[in-house]
Amino acid sequence: MSRTQVSGILTMGGTTNVHSSAVGDHPVVNVGTAPRAQDAPAGVDVGIITILDVETDAVRLALDLREDPIDSLRFYTGEVPAARKPVTVAAIRALDQGQRSAILAYDNLCAHHDPTVVVLAGIGGGLHKDVRKGDVVVATRVVYYDLRKETPDGTQRRGEERHAPAGVGHAVNAFFTDHHPGEFSVKDPGGTARTVRFHHGPIASGDAVVADRDSGIVRFLAGFNDKILAVDMEAAGVGQACHERSASTARPHGWVVVRGISDDANPAKNDDHHGIASWHAAVALKKLIPYLVRTVRDRHAGRGVRA
């Protein structure tokens, strides 16, 4: 009679049920739960990045945000009323001025709150003759001016322009259509009311503090696009970060810049108007947010649409 050695499970017909078993000569069974991937952030509709303390305070006050820290990062969260449903908001202040710190603030915002549209809000320097201190510039186009080549004959600047996604552009256009000619009565926290003009146009961005209207940077920008309204030190970095992040998420990431004008980018530049300019930018942001939410993911309806 032949003998068959079996190492495993043998069935000779009928029904065989095997439960909670291991197979092999030296089976080992470890009972437990499989490791879970880290939960993705729930996500908010609008993320806000500020740079200075005065900008952060203005945004917190205007939007009634509460402090909501995560580890050593200090976020400010809340909701802004809108026609259908409140808009969820999370704000963070960058560690330092400049493009690099703004990009890292954006990364932290995405890692913990996954905003659909990001707003860079705060102060900027006015460049255009029609823009005055206290005005607000809303930009969906940014010109990065620091790309350059140094030659024996001098500096050759190579500007690079980036546009926000079309959905954000349409939202901002709708805001200015509904509020033409863009003048608002704005009351500051102390009760003083001012008429504030809102402008829509491109902004320039680089790593220099511009305090000379005759500088090579200003001359280059005038030749590159004479419609540039203002200048800052962070918008190009945030716009680029949003653009590149879309490659890993398969969706465009919306962004917009809201700058209250605190100076004229000239030698008289100082901090005197930082508070008023920051407040005007925060008020403009609050008025703009309900328009931006039309381009973001409708989480409640489950349509899965994101700007």
C-alpha atoms as a PDB file:
ATOM      1  CA  MET A   1       0.000   0.000   0.000  1.00  0.00           C
ATOM      2  CA  SER A   2       1.400   3.418  -0.975  1.00  0.00           C
ATOM      3  CA  ARG A   3       1.683   6.217   1.550  1.00  0.00           C
ATOM      4  CA  THR A   4       1.084   9.921   0.769  1.00  0.00           C
ATOM      5  CA  GLN A   5       2.621  12.540   3.044  1.00  0.00           C
ATOM      6  CA  VAL A   6       0.696  15.808   3.146  1.00  0.00           C
ATOM      7  CA  SER A   7       1.938  19.065   4.609  1.00  0.00           C
ATOM      8  CA  GLY A   8      -0.973  21.415   4.408  1.00  0.00           C
ATOM      9  CA  ILE A   9      -4.683  20.886   3.887  1.00  0.00           C
ATOM     10  CA  LEU A  10      -6.060  17.761   2.219  1.00  0.00           C
ATOM     11  CA  THR A  11      -9.626  17.319   1.105  1.00  0.00           C
ATOM     12  CA  MET A  12     -11.066  14.086  -0.321  1.00  0.00           C
ATOM     13  CA  GLY A  13     -14.366  15.525  -1.425  1.00  0.00           C
ATOM     14  CA  GLY A  14     -17.338  17.012   0.304  1.00  0.00           C
ATOM     15  CA  THR A  15     -17.050  20.308   2.128  1.00  0.00           C
ATOM     16  CA  THR A  16     -13.975  21.449   4.016  1.00  0.00           C
ATOM     17  CA  ASN A  17     -14.106  24.462   6.307  1.00  0.00           C
ATOM     18  CA  VAL A  18     -10.876  25.895   7.696  1.00  0.00           C
ATOM     19  CA  HIS A  19     -10.922  28.624  10.330  1.00  0.00           C
ATOM     20  CA  SER A  20      -8.152  30.576  12.104  1.00  0.00           C
ATOM     21  CA  SER A  21      -5.489  28.120  10.965  1.00  0.00           C
ATOM     22  CA  ALA A  22      -1.919  28.285   9.680  1.00  0.00           C
ATOM     23  CA  VAL A  23      -0.465  25.963   7.064  1.00  0.00           C
ATOM     24  CA  GLY A  24       3.033  24.429   7.021  1.00  0.00           C
ATOM     25  CA  ASP A  25       5.410  22.346   9.128  1.00  0.00           C
ATOM     26  CA  HIS A  26       5.943  25.006  11.788  1.00  0.00           C
ATOM     27  CA  PRO A  27       2.950  27.327  11.587  1.00  0.00           C
ATOM     28  CA  VAL A  28       2.879  30.524  13.571  1.00  0.00           C
ATOM     29  CA  VAL A  29      -0.248  32.619  13.961  1.00  0.00           C
ATOM     30  CA  ASN A  30      -0.054  36.237  15.130  1.00  0.00           C
ATOM     31  CA  VAL A  31      -3.457  37.591  15.955  1.00  0.00           C
ATOM     32  CA  GLY A  32      -3.852  41.371  15.940  1.00  0.00           C
ATOM     33  CA  THR A  33      -4.879  44.344  13.889  1.00  0.00           C
ATOM     34  CA  ALA A  34      -3.096  45.355  10.731  1.00  0.00           C
ATOM     35  CA  PRO A  35      -1.250  48.660  10.849  1.00  0.00           C
ATOM     36  CA  ARG A  36      -3.388  51.567   9.709  1.00  0.00           C
ATOM     37  CA  ALA A  37      -2.270  54.330   7.468  1.00  0.00           C
ATOM     38  CA  GLN A  38      -2.246  57.768   9.030  1.00  0.00           C
ATOM     39  CA  ASP A  39      -5.618  59.387   8.683  1.00  0.00           C
ATOM     40  CA  ALA A  40      -5.770  62.087   6.037  1.00  0.00           C
ATOM     41  CA  PRO A  41      -6.696  65.572   7.236  1.00  0.00           C
ATOM     42  CA  ALA A  42     -10.409  66.294   7.105  1.00  0.00           C
ATOM     43  CA  GLY A  43      -9.814  69.357   4.948  1.00  0.00           C
ATOM     44  CA  VAL A  44     -11.136  72.901   5.002  1.00  0.00           C
ATOM     45  CA  ASP A  45     -12.515  75.045   2.230  1.00  0.00           C
ATOM     46  CA  VAL A  46     -10.112  77.981   2.537  1.00  0.00           C
ATOM     47  CA  GLY A  47      -6.609  78.162   3.969  1.00  0.00           C
ATOM     48  CA  ILE A  48      -4.964  81.477   4.856  1.00  0.00           C
ATOM     49  CA  ILE A  49      -1.269  82.322   5.146  1.00  0.00           C
ATOM     50  CA  THR A  50      -0.064  85.462   6.899  1.00  0.00           C
ATOM     51  CA  ILE A  51       3.481  86.682   7.505  1.00  0.00           C
ATOM     52  CA  LEU A  52       3.486  89.411  10.165  1.00  0.00           C
ATOM     53  CA  ASP A  53       1.892  89.447  13.600  1.00  0.00           C
ATOM     54  CA  VAL A  54      -0.228  92.466  12.678  1.00  0.00           C
ATOM     55  CA  GLU A  55      -1.574  90.591   9.639  1.00  0.00           C
ATOM     56  CA  THR A  56      -2.385  87.525  11.725  1.00  0.00           C
ATOM     57  CA  ASP A  57      -4.195  89.558  14.371  1.00  0.00           C
ATOM     58  CA  ALA A  58      -6.269  91.316  11.706  1.00  0.00           C
ATOM     59  CA  VAL A  59      -7.334  88.034  10.076  1.00  0.00           C
ATOM     60  CA  ARG A  60      -8.212  86.469  13.441  1.00  0.00           C
ATOM     61  CA  LEU A  61     -10.334  89.437  14.429  1.00  0.00           C
ATOM     62  CA  ALA A  62     -12.065  89.974  11.079  1.00  0.00           C
ATOM     63  CA  LEU A  63     -12.933  86.279  10.630  1.00  0.00           C
ATOM     64  CA  ASP A  64     -13.481  85.500  14.333  1.00  0.00           C
ATOM     65  CA  LEU A  65     -11.009  82.600  14.321  1.00  0.00           C
ATOM     66  CA  ARG A  66      -9.995  80.618  17.395  1.00  0.00           C
ATOM     67  CA  GLU A  67      -6.550  79.289  18.213  1.00  0.00           C
ATOM     68  CA  ASP A  68      -6.292  75.592  17.324  1.00  0.00           C
ATOM     69  CA  PRO A  69      -2.677  74.367  17.702  1.00  0.00           C
ATOM     70  CA  ILE A  70      -1.346  71.067  16.378  1.00  0.00           C
ATOM     71  CA  ASP A  71       1.918  70.029  18.018  1.00  0.00           C
ATOM     72  CA  SER A  72       4.156  73.102  17.851  1.00  0.00           C
ATOM     73  CA  LEU A  73       2.241  74.660  14.946  1.00  0.00           C
ATOM     74  CA  ARG A  74      -0.289  77.335  15.796  1.00  0.00           C
ATOM     75  CA  PHE A  75      -3.347  77.299  13.545  1.00  0.00           C
ATOM     76  CA  TYR A  76      -6.445  79.488  13.740  1.00  0.00           C
ATOM     77  CA  THR A  77      -9.713  77.944  12.611  1.00  0.00           C
ATOM     78  CA  GLY A  78     -13.350  78.882  12.243  1.00  0.00           C
ATOM     79  CA  GLU A  79     -16.228  79.377   9.838  1.00  0.00           C
ATOM     80  CA  VAL A  80     -17.245  82.288   7.644  1.00  0.00           C
ATOM     81  CA  PRO A  81     -20.958  82.719   6.822  1.00  0.00           C
ATOM     82  CA  ALA A  82     -21.950  82.084   3.206  1.00  0.00           C
ATOM     83  CA  ALA A  83     -25.217  81.832   1.280  1.00  0.00           C
ATOM     84  CA  ARG A  84     -25.664  78.045   1.448  1.00  0.00           C
ATOM     85  CA  LYS A  85     -23.350  76.737   4.155  1.00  0.00           C
ATOM     86  CA  PRO A  86     -20.590  78.214   6.291  1.00  0.00           C
ATOM     87  CA  VAL A  87     -17.116  78.171   4.780  1.00  0.00           C
ATOM     88  CA  THR A  88     -14.541  76.323   6.868  1.00  0.00           C
ATOM     89  CA  VAL A  89     -11.270  78.209   7.314  1.00  0.00           C
ATOM     90  CA  ALA A  90      -7.805  77.487   8.720  1.00  0.00           C
ATOM     91  CA  ALA A  91      -5.025  80.075   8.983  1.00  0.00           C
ATOM     92  CA  ILE A  92      -1.324  79.838   9.771  1.00  0.00           C
ATOM     93  CA  ARG A  93       1.413  82.415  10.165  1.00  0.00           C
ATOM     94  CA  ALA A  94       4.702  81.718   8.368  1.00  0.00           C
ATOM     95  CA  LEU A  95       7.827  81.551  10.502  1.00  0.00           C
ATOM     96  CA  ASP A  96       9.647  84.289   8.551  1.00  0.00           C
ATOM     97  CA  GLN A  97       9.245  86.662   5.646  1.00  0.00           C
ATOM     98  CA  GLY A  98      10.093  85.511   2.138  1.00  0.00           C
ATOM     99  CA  GLN A  99       9.269  82.848  -0.423  1.00  0.00           C
ATOM    100  CA  ARG A 100      10.887  79.886   1.368  1.00  0.00           C
ATOM    101  CA  SER A 101       9.075  80.305   4.668  1.00  0.00           C
ATOM    102  CA  ALA A 102       5.769  80.937   2.878  1.00  0.00           C
ATOM    103  CA  ILE A 103       6.159  77.661   0.972  1.00  0.00           C
ATOM    104  CA  LEU A 104       6.766  75.751   4.205  1.00  0.00           C
ATOM    105  CA  ALA A 105       3.732  77.400   5.792  1.00  0.00           C
ATOM    106  CA  TYR A 106       1.716  76.209   2.796  1.00  0.00           C
ATOM    107  CA  ASP A 107       3.094  72.670   3.253  1.00  0.00           C
ATOM    108  CA  ASN A 108       2.087  72.663   6.931  1.00  0.00           C
ATOM    109  CA  LEU A 109      -1.362  73.986   6.056  1.00  0.00           C
ATOM    110  CA  CYS A 110      -1.831  71.203   3.507  1.00  0.00           C
ATOM    111  CA  ALA A 111      -0.497  68.495   5.818  1.00  0.00           C
ATOM    112  CA  HIS A 112      -2.914  69.317   8.631  1.00  0.00           C
ATOM    113  CA  HIS A 113      -5.937  70.987   7.001  1.00  0.00           C
ATOM    114  CA  ASP A 114      -5.804  70.213   3.247  1.00  0.00           C
ATOM    115  CA  PRO A 115      -7.359  73.506   2.048  1.00  0.00           C
ATOM    116  CA  THR A 116      -8.862  73.656  -1.399  1.00  0.00           C
ATOM    117  CA  VAL A 117      -8.115  77.343  -1.966  1.00  0.00           C
ATOM    118  CA  VAL A 118      -5.253  79.194  -0.287  1.00  0.00           C
ATOM    119  CA  VAL A 119      -5.231  82.958   0.317  1.00  0.00           C
ATOM    120  CA  LEU A 120      -2.035  84.873   1.052  1.00  0.00           C
ATOM    121  CA  ALA A 121      -3.282  87.845   3.064  1.00  0.00           C
ATOM    122  CA  GLY A 122      -1.490  90.865   4.491  1.00  0.00           C
ATOM    123  CA  ILE A 123       0.395  93.966   3.407  1.00  0.00           C
ATOM    124  CA  GLY A 124       2.213  94.934   0.223  1.00  0.00           C
ATOM    125  CA  GLY A 125       3.866  97.868  -1.483  1.00  0.00           C
ATOM    126  CA  GLY A 126       2.020  99.822  -4.151  1.00  0.00           C
ATOM    127  CA  LEU A 127       3.654 100.179  -7.578  1.00  0.00           C
ATOM    128  CA  HIS A 128       0.934 101.494  -9.886  1.00  0.00           C
ATOM    129  CA  LYS A 129       0.009 105.176  -9.974  1.00  0.00           C
ATOM    130  CA  ASP A 130      -3.658 104.332  -9.345  1.00  0.00           C
ATOM    131  CA  VAL A 131      -2.930 102.423  -6.120  1.00  0.00           C
ATOM    132  CA  ARG A 132      -2.732 104.401  -2.880  1.00  0.00           C
ATOM    133  CA  LYS A 133      -1.854 103.542   0.701  1.00  0.00           C
ATOM    134  CA  GLY A 134      -4.846 101.904   2.369  1.00  0.00           C
ATOM    135  CA  ASP A 135      -6.156 100.416  -0.890  1.00  0.00           C
ATOM    136  CA  VAL A 136      -6.453  96.650  -1.348  1.00  0.00           C
ATOM    137  CA  VAL A 137      -5.038  94.667  -4.270  1.00  0.00           C
ATOM    138  CA  VAL A 138      -6.537  91.260  -5.101  1.00  0.00           C
ATOM    139  CA  ALA A 139      -4.296  89.259  -7.432  1.00  0.00           C
ATOM    140  CA  THR A 140      -4.757  86.013  -9.339  1.00  0.00           C
ATOM    141  CA  ARG A 141      -1.607  86.611 -11.386  1.00  0.00           C
ATOM    142  CA  VAL A 142       1.895  86.919  -9.972  1.00  0.00           C
ATOM    143  CA  VAL A 143       5.133  87.939 -11.709  1.00  0.00           C
ATOM    144  CA  TYR A 144       8.296  86.491 -10.189  1.00  0.00           C
ATOM    145  CA  TYR A 145      11.116  88.922 -10.956  1.00  0.00           C
ATOM    146  CA  ASP A 146      14.161  87.309  -9.303  1.00  0.00           C
ATOM    147  CA  LEU A 147      15.086  84.960 -12.141  1.00  0.00           C
ATOM    148  CA  ARG A 148      18.149  86.628 -13.650  1.00  0.00           C
ATOM    149  CA  LYS A 149      21.501  86.202 -15.358  1.00  0.00           C
ATOM    150  CA  GLU A 150      24.553  88.155 -14.222  1.00  0.00           C
ATOM    151  CA  THR A 151      26.768  89.177 -17.162  1.00  0.00           C
ATOM    152  CA  PRO A 152      29.725  91.560 -17.658  1.00  0.00           C
ATOM    153  CA  ASP A 153      27.207  93.948 -19.199  1.00  0.00           C
ATOM    154  CA  GLY A 154      24.909  93.855 -16.181  1.00  0.00           C
ATOM    155  CA  THR A 155      21.901  91.947 -14.890  1.00  0.00           C
ATOM    156  CA  GLN A 156      19.456  90.346 -17.320  1.00  0.00           C
ATOM    157  CA  ARG A 157      16.159  89.719 -15.544  1.00  0.00           C
ATOM    158  CA  ARG A 158      13.807  86.994 -16.706  1.00  0.00           C
ATOM    159  CA  GLY A 159      10.344  87.454 -15.298  1.00  0.00           C
ATOM    160  CA  GLU A 160       8.006  84.513 -14.883  1.00  0.00           C
ATOM    161  CA  GLU A 161       4.240  84.949 -14.683  1.00  0.00           C
ATOM    162  CA  ARG A 162       1.859  82.469 -13.094  1.00  0.00           C
ATOM    163  CA  HIS A 163      -1.952  82.472 -13.121  1.00  0.00           C
ATOM    164  CA  ALA A 164      -4.242  81.032 -10.476  1.00  0.00           C
ATOM    165  CA  PRO A 165      -6.558  78.236 -11.686  1.00  0.00           C
ATOM    166  CA  ALA A 166      -9.398  79.480 -13.871  1.00  0.00           C
ATOM    167  CA  GLY A 167     -12.066  78.710 -11.266  1.00  0.00           C
ATOM    168  CA  VAL A 168     -10.468  81.112  -8.812  1.00  0.00           C
ATOM    169  CA  GLY A 169     -10.095  83.734 -11.523  1.00  0.00           C
ATOM    170  CA  HIS A 170     -13.804  83.499 -12.320  1.00  0.00           C
ATOM    171  CA  ALA A 171     -14.679  83.788  -8.626  1.00  0.00           C
ATOM    172  CA  VAL A 172     -12.632  86.973  -8.246  1.00  0.00           C
ATOM    173  CA  ASN A 173     -14.080  88.385 -11.472  1.00  0.00           C
ATOM    174  CA  ALA A 174     -17.583  87.741 -10.121  1.00  0.00           C
ATOM    175  CA  PHE A 175     -16.726  89.561  -6.895  1.00  0.00           C
ATOM    176  CA  PHE A 176     -15.562  92.666  -8.761  1.00  0.00           C
ATOM    177  CA  THR A 177     -18.519  92.514 -11.159  1.00  0.00           C
ATOM    178  CA  ASP A 178     -20.941  92.517  -8.237  1.00  0.00           C
ATOM    179  CA  HIS A 179     -19.083  95.310  -6.434  1.00  0.00           C
ATOM    180  CA  HIS A 180     -18.079  97.658  -9.245  1.00  0.00           C
ATOM    181  CA  PRO A 181     -16.341 100.119  -8.916  1.00  0.00           C
ATOM    182  CA  GLY A 182     -14.791  98.347  -5.938  1.00  0.00           C
ATOM    183  CA  GLU A 183     -15.239 100.954  -3.209  1.00  0.00           C
ATOM    184  CA  PHE A 184     -16.266  99.959   0.307  1.00  0.00           C
ATOM    185  CA  SER A 185     -16.850 101.741   3.582  1.00  0.00           C
ATOM    186  CA  VAL A 186     -14.647  99.884   6.060  1.00  0.00           C
ATOM    187  CA  LYS A 187     -14.779 100.488   9.806  1.00  0.00           C
ATOM    188  CA  ASP A 188     -11.622  99.642  11.740  1.00  0.00           C
ATOM    189  CA  PRO A 189     -11.674  98.019  15.217  1.00  0.00           C
ATOM    190  CA  GLY A 190     -11.504 101.470  16.789  1.00  0.00           C
ATOM    191  CA  GLY A 191     -14.683 102.574  15.006  1.00  0.00           C
ATOM    192  CA  THR A 192     -13.121 104.840  12.365  1.00  0.00           C
ATOM    193  CA  ALA A 193     -14.776 104.439   8.954  1.00  0.00           C
ATOM    194  CA  ARG A 194     -12.833 104.869   5.714  1.00  0.00           C
ATOM    195  CA  THR A 195     -13.659 104.473   2.045  1.00  0.00           C
ATOM    196  CA  VAL A 196     -11.359 101.755   0.739  1.00  0.00           C
ATOM    197  CA  ARG A 197     -10.739 100.985  -2.917  1.00  0.00           C
ATOM    198  CA  PHE A 198     -10.274  97.383  -4.032  1.00  0.00           C
ATOM    199  CA  HIS A 199      -8.240  96.680  -7.195  1.00  0.00           C
ATOM    200  CA  HIS A 200      -7.881  93.492  -9.239  1.00  0.00           C
ATOM    201  CA  GLY A 201      -4.650  92.973 -11.142  1.00  0.00           C
ATOM    202  CA  PRO A 202      -1.234  91.314 -11.186  1.00  0.00           C
ATOM    203  CA  ILE A 203       1.272  91.535  -8.355  1.00  0.00           C
ATOM    204  CA  ALA A 204       5.062  91.249  -8.518  1.00  0.00           C
ATOM    205  CA  SER A 205       6.967  89.047  -6.096  1.00  0.00           C
ATOM    206  CA  GLY A 206      10.615  88.426  -5.255  1.00  0.00           C
ATOM    207  CA  ASP A 207      13.054  88.323  -2.375  1.00  0.00           C
ATOM    208  CA  ALA A 208      13.909  92.023  -2.262  1.00  0.00           C
ATOM    209  CA  VAL A 209      12.417  94.726  -0.067  1.00  0.00           C
ATOM    210  CA  VAL A 210      11.672  97.377  -2.695  1.00  0.00           C
ATOM    211  CA  ALA A 211      12.180 100.893  -1.318  1.00  0.00           C
ATOM    212  CA  ASP A 212      13.297 102.755  -4.458  1.00  0.00           C
ATOM    213  CA  ARG A 213      10.922 103.664  -7.276  1.00  0.00           C
ATOM    214  CA  ASP A 214      13.924 104.109  -9.598  1.00  0.00           C
ATOM    215  CA  SER A 215      15.468 100.710  -8.849  1.00  0.00           C
ATOM    216  CA  GLY A 216      16.299  98.216 -11.560  1.00  0.00           C
ATOM    217  CA  ILE A 217      13.554  95.939 -10.256  1.00  0.00           C
ATOM    218  CA  VAL A 218      10.862  98.597 -10.633  1.00  0.00           C
ATOM    219  CA  ARG A 219      12.089  99.541 -14.114  1.00  0.00           C
ATOM    220  CA  PHE A 220      12.093  95.903 -15.177  1.00  0.00           C
ATOM    221  CA  LEU A 221       8.556  95.353 -13.882  1.00  0.00           C
ATOM    222  CA  ALA A 222       7.268  98.449 -15.679  1.00  0.00           C
ATOM    223  CA  GLY A 223       8.629  97.047 -18.926  1.00  0.00           C
ATOM    224  CA  PHE A 224       7.437  93.508 -18.247  1.00  0.00           C
ATOM    225  CA  ASN A 225       3.832  94.528 -17.521  1.00  0.00           C
ATOM    226  CA  ASP A 226       2.791  98.112 -16.889  1.00  0.00           C
ATOM    227  CA  LYS A 227      -0.408  96.880 -15.184  1.00  0.00           C
ATOM    228  CA  ILE A 228       1.400  95.396 -12.165  1.00  0.00           C
ATOM    229  CA  LEU A 229      -0.270  96.943  -9.127  1.00  0.00           C
ATOM    230  CA  ALA A 230       1.839  95.966  -6.127  1.00  0.00           C
ATOM    231  CA  VAL A 231       4.860  94.046  -4.898  1.00  0.00           C
ATOM    232  CA  ASP A 232       5.437  91.522  -2.101  1.00  0.00           C
ATOM    233  CA  MET A 233       7.924  88.847  -1.009  1.00  0.00           C
ATOM    234  CA  GLU A 234       5.811  85.665  -0.815  1.00  0.00           C
ATOM    235  CA  ALA A 235       3.194  85.374  -3.564  1.00  0.00           C
ATOM    236  CA  ALA A 236       5.452  83.730  -6.151  1.00  0.00           C
ATOM    237  CA  GLY A 237       6.438  80.967  -3.747  1.00  0.00           C
ATOM    238  CA  VAL A 238       2.858  80.193  -2.733  1.00  0.00           C
ATOM    239  CA  GLY A 239       1.682  80.211  -6.354  1.00  0.00           C
ATOM    240  CA  GLN A 240       4.482  77.844  -7.366  1.00  0.00           C
ATOM    241  CA  ALA A 241       3.806  75.525  -4.417  1.00  0.00           C
ATOM    242  CA  CYS A 242       0.111  75.289  -5.335  1.00  0.00           C
ATOM    243  CA  HIS A 243       1.021  74.617  -8.962  1.00  0.00           C
ATOM    244  CA  GLU A 244       3.454  71.808  -8.135  1.00  0.00           C
ATOM    245  CA  ARG A 245       1.218  70.187  -5.525  1.00  0.00           C
ATOM    246  CA  SER A 246      -1.390  69.553  -8.210  1.00  0.00           C
ATOM    247  CA  ALA A 247       0.933  66.910  -9.702  1.00  0.00           C
ATOM    248  CA  SER A 248       0.542  64.661  -6.647  1.00  0.00           C
ATOM    249  CA  THR A 249      -3.172  65.223  -6.048  1.00  0.00           C
ATOM    250  CA  ALA A 250      -4.517  65.129  -9.622  1.00  0.00           C
ATOM    251  CA  ARG A 251      -6.433  68.371  -9.099  1.00  0.00           C
ATOM    252  CA  PRO A 252      -5.534  72.048  -9.407  1.00  0.00           C
ATOM    253  CA  HIS A 253      -4.925  73.941  -6.168  1.00  0.00           C
ATOM    254  CA  GLY A 254      -6.510  77.371  -6.078  1.00  0.00           C
ATOM    255  CA  TRP A 255      -4.721  80.425  -4.718  1.00  0.00           C
ATOM    256  CA  VAL A 256      -5.280  84.164  -4.518  1.00  0.00           C
ATOM    257  CA  VAL A 257      -3.335  87.078  -3.013  1.00  0.00           C
ATOM    258  CA  VAL A 258      -5.003  89.843  -0.974  1.00  0.00           C
ATOM    259  CA  ARG A 259      -2.680  92.742  -0.110  1.00  0.00           C
ATOM    260  CA  GLY A 260      -3.488  95.903   1.788  1.00  0.00           C
ATOM    261  CA  ILE A 261      -1.173  98.655   0.567  1.00  0.00           C
ATOM    262  CA  SER A 262       1.012  99.939   3.396  1.00  0.00           C
ATOM    263  CA  ASP A 263       3.586 101.948   1.412  1.00  0.00           C
ATOM    264  CA  ASP A 264       4.549 103.158  -2.053  1.00  0.00           C
ATOM    265  CA  ALA A 265       7.769 101.107  -2.337  1.00  0.00           C
ATOM    266  CA  ASN A 266       9.875 104.267  -1.960  1.00  0.00           C
ATOM    267  CA  PRO A 267      12.542 105.537   0.495  1.00  0.00           C
ATOM    268  CA  ALA A 268       9.793 106.822   2.817  1.00  0.00           C
ATOM    269  CA  LYS A 269       8.634 103.230   3.372  1.00  0.00           C
ATOM    270  CA  ASN A 270       7.975 102.502   7.076  1.00  0.00           C
ATOM    271  CA  ASP A 271       5.645 100.585   9.380  1.00  0.00           C
ATOM    272  CA  ASP A 272       3.186 103.409  10.070  1.00  0.00           C
ATOM    273  CA  HIS A 273       0.391 102.000   7.901  1.00  0.00           C
ATOM    274  CA  HIS A 274       0.881  98.285   8.603  1.00  0.00           C
ATOM    275  CA  GLY A 275      -2.094  98.091  10.958  1.00  0.00           C
ATOM    276  CA  ILE A 276      -4.590  99.832   8.669  1.00  0.00           C
ATOM    277  CA  ALA A 277      -3.364  97.978   5.576  1.00  0.00           C
ATOM    278  CA  SER A 278      -3.584  94.622   7.364  1.00  0.00           C
ATOM    279  CA  TRP A 279      -7.111  95.345   8.561  1.00  0.00           C
ATOM    280  CA  HIS A 280      -8.277  96.400   5.109  1.00  0.00           C
ATOM    281  CA  ALA A 281      -6.828  93.202   3.632  1.00  0.00           C
ATOM    282  CA  ALA A 282      -8.591  91.079   6.268  1.00  0.00           C
ATOM    283  CA  VAL A 283     -11.938  92.784   5.623  1.00  0.00           C
ATOM    284  CA  ALA A 284     -11.491  92.309   1.874  1.00  0.00           C
ATOM    285  CA  LEU A 285     -10.713  88.641   2.471  1.00  0.00           C
ATOM    286  CA  LYS A 286     -13.923  88.175   4.453  1.00  0.00           C
ATOM    287  CA  LYS A 287     -15.936  89.722   1.626  1.00  0.00           C
ATOM    288  CA  LEU A 288     -14.170  87.575  -0.977  1.00  0.00           C
ATOM    289  CA  ILE A 289     -14.415  84.183   0.759  1.00  0.00           C
ATOM    290  CA  PRO A 290     -18.098  83.488  -0.121  1.00  0.00           C
ATOM    291  CA  TYR A 291     -17.146  83.884  -3.793  1.00  0.00           C
ATOM    292  CA  LEU A 292     -14.156  81.568  -3.496  1.00  0.00           C
ATOM    293  CA  VAL A 293     -16.279  78.822  -1.958  1.00  0.00           C
ATOM    294  CA  ARG A 294     -18.184  78.492  -5.221  1.00  0.00           C
ATOM    295  CA  THR A 295     -15.027  77.033  -6.747  1.00  0.00           C
ATOM    296  CA  VAL A 296     -14.156  74.596  -3.966  1.00  0.00           C
ATOM    297  CA  ARG A 297     -15.240  71.055  -3.223  1.00  0.00           C
ATOM    298  CA  ASP A 298     -18.858  70.823  -2.134  1.00  0.00           C
ATOM    299  CA  ARG A 299     -18.270  68.382   0.704  1.00  0.00           C
ATOM    300  CA  HIS A 300     -21.863  68.195   1.878  1.00  0.00           C
ATOM    301  CA  ALA A 301     -23.392  67.472  -1.524  1.00  0.00           C
ATOM    302  CA  GLY A 302     -20.696  64.894  -2.268  1.00  0.00           C
ATOM    303  CA  ARG A 303     -19.962  66.153  -5.735  1.00  0.00           C
ATOM    304  CA  GLY A 304     -16.208  65.902  -5.227  1.00  0.00           C
ATOM    305  CA  VAL A 305     -15.487  69.113  -7.117  1.00  0.00           C
ATOM    306  CA  ARG A 306     -12.384  71.014  -6.022  1.00  0.00           C
ATOM    307  CA  ALA A 307     -10.794  74.115  -7.450  1.00  0.00           C
END
